[in-house]
């Protein structure tokens, strides 16, 4: 299994990623991106499969 984004998110502290168990949890800096994730989540119906 190859991941490109999880290692980057982990470097910035947004997540903690256990590469052995493939478990992901919030990292110490998660609250910095929480507002963005909430906006994306509240508009999920507007995204389509064609959205990049």
N, C-alpha and C. Protein backbone atom coordinates (compact mmCIF):
# COMPACT_ATOMS: atom_id res chain seq x y z
N UNK A 1 0.85 -1.17 0.00
CA UNK A 1 0.00 0.00 0.00
C UNK A 1 0.90 1.24 0.00
N UNK A 2 0.62 2.17 -0.89
CA UNK A 2 1.43 3.37 -1.02
C UNK A 2 0.56 4.60 -0.77
N UNK A 3 1.02 5.46 0.09
CA UNK A 3 0.28 6.69 0.40
C UNK A 3 1.16 7.89 0.11
N UNK A 4 0.57 8.90 -0.51
CA UNK A 4 1.31 10.14 -0.75
C UNK A 4 0.92 11.23 0.23
N UNK A 5 -0.36 11.32 0.57
CA UNK A 5 -0.84 12.42 1.39
C UNK A 5 -0.70 12.17 2.89
N UNK A 6 -0.88 10.95 3.32
CA UNK A 6 -0.79 10.68 4.76
C UNK A 6 0.57 11.06 5.34
N UNK A 7 1.67 10.72 4.68
CA UNK A 7 2.97 11.15 5.24
C UNK A 7 3.09 12.67 5.35
N UNK A 8 2.55 13.38 4.37
CA UNK A 8 2.63 14.85 4.40
C UNK A 8 1.78 15.41 5.54
N UNK A 9 0.58 14.87 5.71
CA UNK A 9 -0.28 15.32 6.80
C UNK A 9 0.35 15.02 8.16
N UNK A 10 1.05 13.91 8.23
CA UNK A 10 1.71 13.54 9.49
C UNK A 10 2.88 14.48 9.80
N UNK A 11 3.63 14.85 8.79
CA UNK A 11 4.77 15.76 8.99
C UNK A 11 4.32 17.08 9.61
N UNK A 12 3.15 17.56 9.16
CA UNK A 12 2.64 18.83 9.68
C UNK A 12 1.89 18.67 11.01
N UNK A 13 1.74 17.45 11.46
CA UNK A 13 1.10 17.21 12.75
C UNK A 13 -0.42 17.20 12.69
N UNK A 14 -0.99 17.18 11.48
CA UNK A 14 -2.43 17.16 11.36
C UNK A 14 -3.00 15.80 11.74
N UNK A 15 -2.23 14.76 11.50
CA UNK A 15 -2.65 13.40 11.84
C UNK A 15 -1.50 12.65 12.50
N UNK A 16 -1.86 11.54 13.12
CA UNK A 16 -0.88 10.53 13.54
C UNK A 16 -1.24 9.29 12.73
N UNK A 17 -0.25 8.70 12.11
CA UNK A 17 -0.50 7.58 11.21
C UNK A 17 0.39 6.42 11.60
N UNK A 18 -0.23 5.30 11.93
CA UNK A 18 0.51 4.09 12.24
C UNK A 18 0.61 3.29 10.94
N UNK A 19 1.78 3.29 10.36
CA UNK A 19 2.00 2.64 9.07
C UNK A 19 1.82 1.12 9.14
N UNK A 20 2.03 0.55 10.29
CA UNK A 20 1.91 -0.90 10.44
C UNK A 20 0.45 -1.36 10.53
N UNK A 21 -0.37 -0.62 11.27
CA UNK A 21 -1.77 -1.02 11.44
C UNK A 21 -2.70 -0.27 10.50
N UNK A 22 -2.16 0.74 9.79
CA UNK A 22 -2.93 1.58 8.86
C UNK A 22 -4.00 2.39 9.60
N UNK A 23 -3.75 2.71 10.85
CA UNK A 23 -4.69 3.51 11.63
C UNK A 23 -4.28 4.98 11.58
N UNK A 24 -5.28 5.84 11.46
CA UNK A 24 -5.07 7.28 11.40
C UNK A 24 -5.90 7.92 12.50
N UNK A 25 -5.30 8.87 13.21
CA UNK A 25 -6.04 9.62 14.23
C UNK A 25 -5.62 11.08 14.16
N UNK A 26 -6.36 11.93 14.81
CA UNK A 26 -6.05 13.36 14.84
C UNK A 26 -4.69 13.58 15.48
N UNK A 27 -3.93 14.50 14.90
CA UNK A 27 -2.64 14.86 15.44
C UNK A 27 -2.71 16.13 16.26
N UNK A 28 -1.60 16.56 16.82
CA UNK A 28 -1.60 17.73 17.69
C UNK A 28 -1.96 19.04 16.98
N UNK A 29 -1.81 19.11 15.67
CA UNK A 29 -2.13 20.33 14.93
C UNK A 29 -3.46 20.22 14.17
N UNK A 30 -4.24 19.19 14.47
CA UNK A 30 -5.50 18.97 13.74
C UNK A 30 -6.43 20.18 13.80
N UNK A 31 -6.50 20.84 14.94
CA UNK A 31 -7.42 21.98 15.09
C UNK A 31 -7.11 23.12 14.13
N UNK A 32 -5.90 23.15 13.58
CA UNK A 32 -5.56 24.19 12.60
C UNK A 32 -6.31 23.99 11.29
N UNK A 33 -6.63 22.75 10.95
CA UNK A 33 -7.34 22.49 9.69
C UNK A 33 -8.81 22.13 9.89
N UNK A 34 -9.24 22.04 11.13
CA UNK A 34 -10.65 21.69 11.41
C UNK A 34 -11.63 22.62 10.70
N UNK A 35 -11.47 23.96 10.71
CA UNK A 35 -12.44 24.83 10.02
C UNK A 35 -12.55 24.51 8.52
N UNK A 36 -11.45 24.24 7.89
CA UNK A 36 -11.47 23.89 6.47
C UNK A 36 -12.23 22.59 6.25
N UNK A 37 -11.97 21.60 7.06
CA UNK A 37 -12.64 20.31 6.93
C UNK A 37 -14.15 20.44 7.18
N UNK A 38 -14.53 21.30 8.10
CA UNK A 38 -15.95 21.51 8.37
C UNK A 38 -16.64 22.17 7.18
N UNK A 39 -15.99 23.12 6.54
CA UNK A 39 -16.56 23.76 5.35
C UNK A 39 -16.70 22.74 4.23
N UNK A 40 -15.67 21.96 4.00
CA UNK A 40 -15.73 20.93 2.96
C UNK A 40 -16.85 19.94 3.25
N UNK A 41 -16.96 19.52 4.49
CA UNK A 41 -18.00 18.56 4.88
C UNK A 41 -19.40 19.13 4.68
N UNK A 42 -19.57 20.41 4.99
CA UNK A 42 -20.89 21.01 4.87
C UNK A 42 -21.30 21.24 3.42
N UNK A 43 -20.35 21.14 2.49
CA UNK A 43 -20.64 21.33 1.07
C UNK A 43 -20.39 20.06 0.25
N UNK A 44 -20.34 18.93 0.89
CA UNK A 44 -19.99 17.68 0.21
C UNK A 44 -20.94 17.37 -0.94
N UNK A 45 -22.19 17.74 -0.83
CA UNK A 45 -23.16 17.46 -1.90
C UNK A 45 -22.84 18.22 -3.17
N UNK A 46 -22.07 19.30 -3.07
CA UNK A 46 -21.72 20.10 -4.24
C UNK A 46 -20.58 19.49 -5.04
N UNK A 47 -19.85 18.57 -4.46
CA UNK A 47 -18.73 17.94 -5.15
C UNK A 47 -19.24 16.78 -6.01
N UNK A 48 -18.64 16.63 -7.14
CA UNK A 48 -19.00 15.52 -8.02
C UNK A 48 -17.79 14.62 -8.24
N UNK A 49 -18.01 13.51 -8.89
CA UNK A 49 -16.91 12.61 -9.21
C UNK A 49 -15.93 13.26 -10.18
N UNK A 50 -16.38 14.27 -10.90
CA UNK A 50 -15.53 14.94 -11.88
C UNK A 50 -14.67 16.03 -11.26
N UNK A 51 -14.97 16.39 -10.00
CA UNK A 51 -14.20 17.44 -9.33
C UNK A 51 -12.80 16.92 -9.06
N UNK A 52 -11.76 17.71 -9.42
CA UNK A 52 -10.37 17.21 -9.26
C UNK A 52 -9.96 16.94 -7.85
